[in-house]
């Protein structure tokens, strides 16, 4: 590592790309969950937090595949995964439908 490495590059060096992608996805879901807590729709340590685990893993897989498809490299792909994880499955679906609709 050198002094120019960013935060994601540092995480990549310590943990590897797969774990960095998962960290990005879990961070995205935690940000969304926290906003729901702030709005009073959830308790922070409620059972809903457990449902975020499979969503984060699924969004990591989907986001990593999409990042590779469009040619993103690190650290941009980790940010892309975190963004998709924040949006969740419904948000990602809306984004994909909008993108596909413009392509026709």
Protein backbone atom coordinates (compact mmCIF):
# COMPACT_ATOMS: atom_id res chain seq x y z
CA UNK A 1 0.00 0.00 0.00
CA UNK A 2 1.08 3.52 -0.62
CA UNK A 3 -0.03 6.89 0.73
CA UNK A 4 -2.39 7.46 -2.22
CA UNK A 5 -4.56 4.43 -1.40
CA UNK A 6 -8.09 5.29 -0.38
CA UNK A 7 -10.30 3.69 2.25
CA UNK A 8 -11.72 1.05 -0.10
CA UNK A 9 -8.23 0.20 -1.37
CA UNK A 10 -7.10 -0.32 2.22
CA UNK A 11 -10.04 -2.60 3.01
CA UNK A 12 -9.32 -4.51 -0.21
CA UNK A 13 -5.69 -4.99 0.78
CA UNK A 14 -6.64 -6.36 4.21
CA UNK A 15 -9.69 -8.46 3.38
CA UNK A 16 -9.80 -8.98 -0.38
CA UNK A 17 -12.36 -7.97 -2.96
CA UNK A 18 -15.17 -10.35 -1.99
CA UNK A 19 -15.28 -9.24 1.63
CA UNK A 20 -14.97 -5.60 0.59
CA UNK A 21 -18.02 -6.05 -1.62
CA UNK A 22 -19.95 -7.59 1.28
CA UNK A 23 -18.89 -4.77 3.60
CA UNK A 24 -20.16 -2.28 1.02
CA UNK A 25 -23.48 -4.10 0.72
CA UNK A 26 -23.95 -4.38 4.49
CA UNK A 27 -23.09 -0.70 4.86
CA UNK A 28 -25.69 0.24 2.25
CA UNK A 29 -28.38 -1.83 3.98
CA UNK A 30 -27.40 -0.45 7.39
CA UNK A 31 -27.75 3.09 6.08
CA UNK A 32 -31.24 2.30 4.78
CA UNK A 33 -32.20 0.53 8.02
CA UNK A 34 -30.93 3.51 10.04
CA UNK A 35 -33.08 5.90 8.03
CA UNK A 36 -36.12 3.70 8.76
CA UNK A 37 -35.23 3.79 12.47
CA UNK A 38 -34.90 7.58 12.35
CA UNK A 39 -38.37 7.84 10.79
CA UNK A 40 -39.78 5.66 13.60
CA UNK A 41 -40.76 2.77 11.31
CA UNK A 42 -38.38 0.29 12.97
CA UNK A 43 -36.46 -0.39 16.14
CA UNK A 44 -32.73 -0.48 15.57
CA UNK A 45 -32.22 -3.91 17.14
CA UNK A 46 -35.57 -5.30 16.04
CA UNK A 47 -36.22 -8.51 14.12
CA UNK A 48 -36.26 -6.49 10.89
CA UNK A 49 -32.50 -6.10 11.15
CA UNK A 50 -32.12 -9.86 10.60
CA UNK A 51 -33.97 -9.61 7.28
CA UNK A 52 -31.33 -7.20 6.05
CA UNK A 53 -28.66 -9.96 6.04
CA UNK A 54 -29.97 -11.97 3.06
CA UNK A 55 -30.86 -8.75 1.25
CA UNK A 56 -27.31 -7.44 1.72
CA UNK A 57 -25.79 -10.72 0.47
CA UNK A 58 -28.13 -10.83 -2.52
CA UNK A 59 -27.47 -7.22 -3.40
CA UNK A 60 -23.71 -7.86 -3.12
CA UNK A 61 -24.02 -10.66 -5.69
CA UNK A 62 -26.27 -8.65 -8.00
CA UNK A 63 -24.22 -5.48 -7.62
CA UNK A 64 -20.91 -7.23 -8.24
CA UNK A 65 -22.26 -8.90 -11.37
CA UNK A 66 -23.72 -5.61 -12.64
CA UNK A 67 -20.48 -3.76 -11.89
CA UNK A 68 -18.50 -6.31 -13.88
CA UNK A 69 -21.01 -6.17 -16.74
CA UNK A 70 -20.70 -2.40 -17.10
CA UNK A 71 -16.93 -2.53 -16.60
CA UNK A 72 -16.50 -0.84 -13.22
CA UNK A 73 -13.26 -1.45 -11.34
CA UNK A 74 -12.34 -1.01 -7.68
CA UNK A 75 -13.10 1.17 -5.78
CA UNK A 76 -16.00 2.35 -7.95
CA UNK A 77 -17.59 -1.11 -8.00
CA UNK A 78 -17.75 -1.19 -4.19
CA UNK A 79 -19.51 2.16 -4.17
CA UNK A 80 -21.89 0.87 -6.84
CA UNK A 81 -22.67 -2.22 -4.73
CA UNK A 82 -23.26 -0.08 -1.63
CA UNK A 83 -25.61 2.17 -3.60
CA UNK A 84 -27.59 -0.78 -4.96
CA UNK A 85 -27.75 -2.33 -1.50
CA UNK A 86 -29.07 0.95 -0.10
CA UNK A 87 -31.75 0.98 -2.80
CA UNK A 88 -32.60 -2.65 -2.11
CA UNK A 89 -34.31 -5.06 -4.49
CA UNK A 90 -37.27 -2.77 -5.27
CA UNK A 91 -35.09 0.27 -5.82
CA UNK A 92 -32.69 -1.70 -8.01
CA UNK A 93 -35.65 -3.03 -10.00
CA UNK A 94 -36.96 0.50 -10.56
CA UNK A 95 -33.50 1.65 -11.61
CA UNK A 96 -33.12 -1.28 -14.02
CA UNK A 97 -36.59 -0.75 -15.52
CA UNK A 98 -35.84 2.91 -16.08
CA UNK A 99 -32.51 2.10 -17.70
CA UNK A 100 -33.99 -0.59 -19.94
CA UNK A 101 -36.87 1.71 -20.87
CA UNK A 102 -34.45 4.36 -22.13
CA UNK A 103 -32.55 1.81 -24.21
CA UNK A 104 -35.62 0.93 -26.32
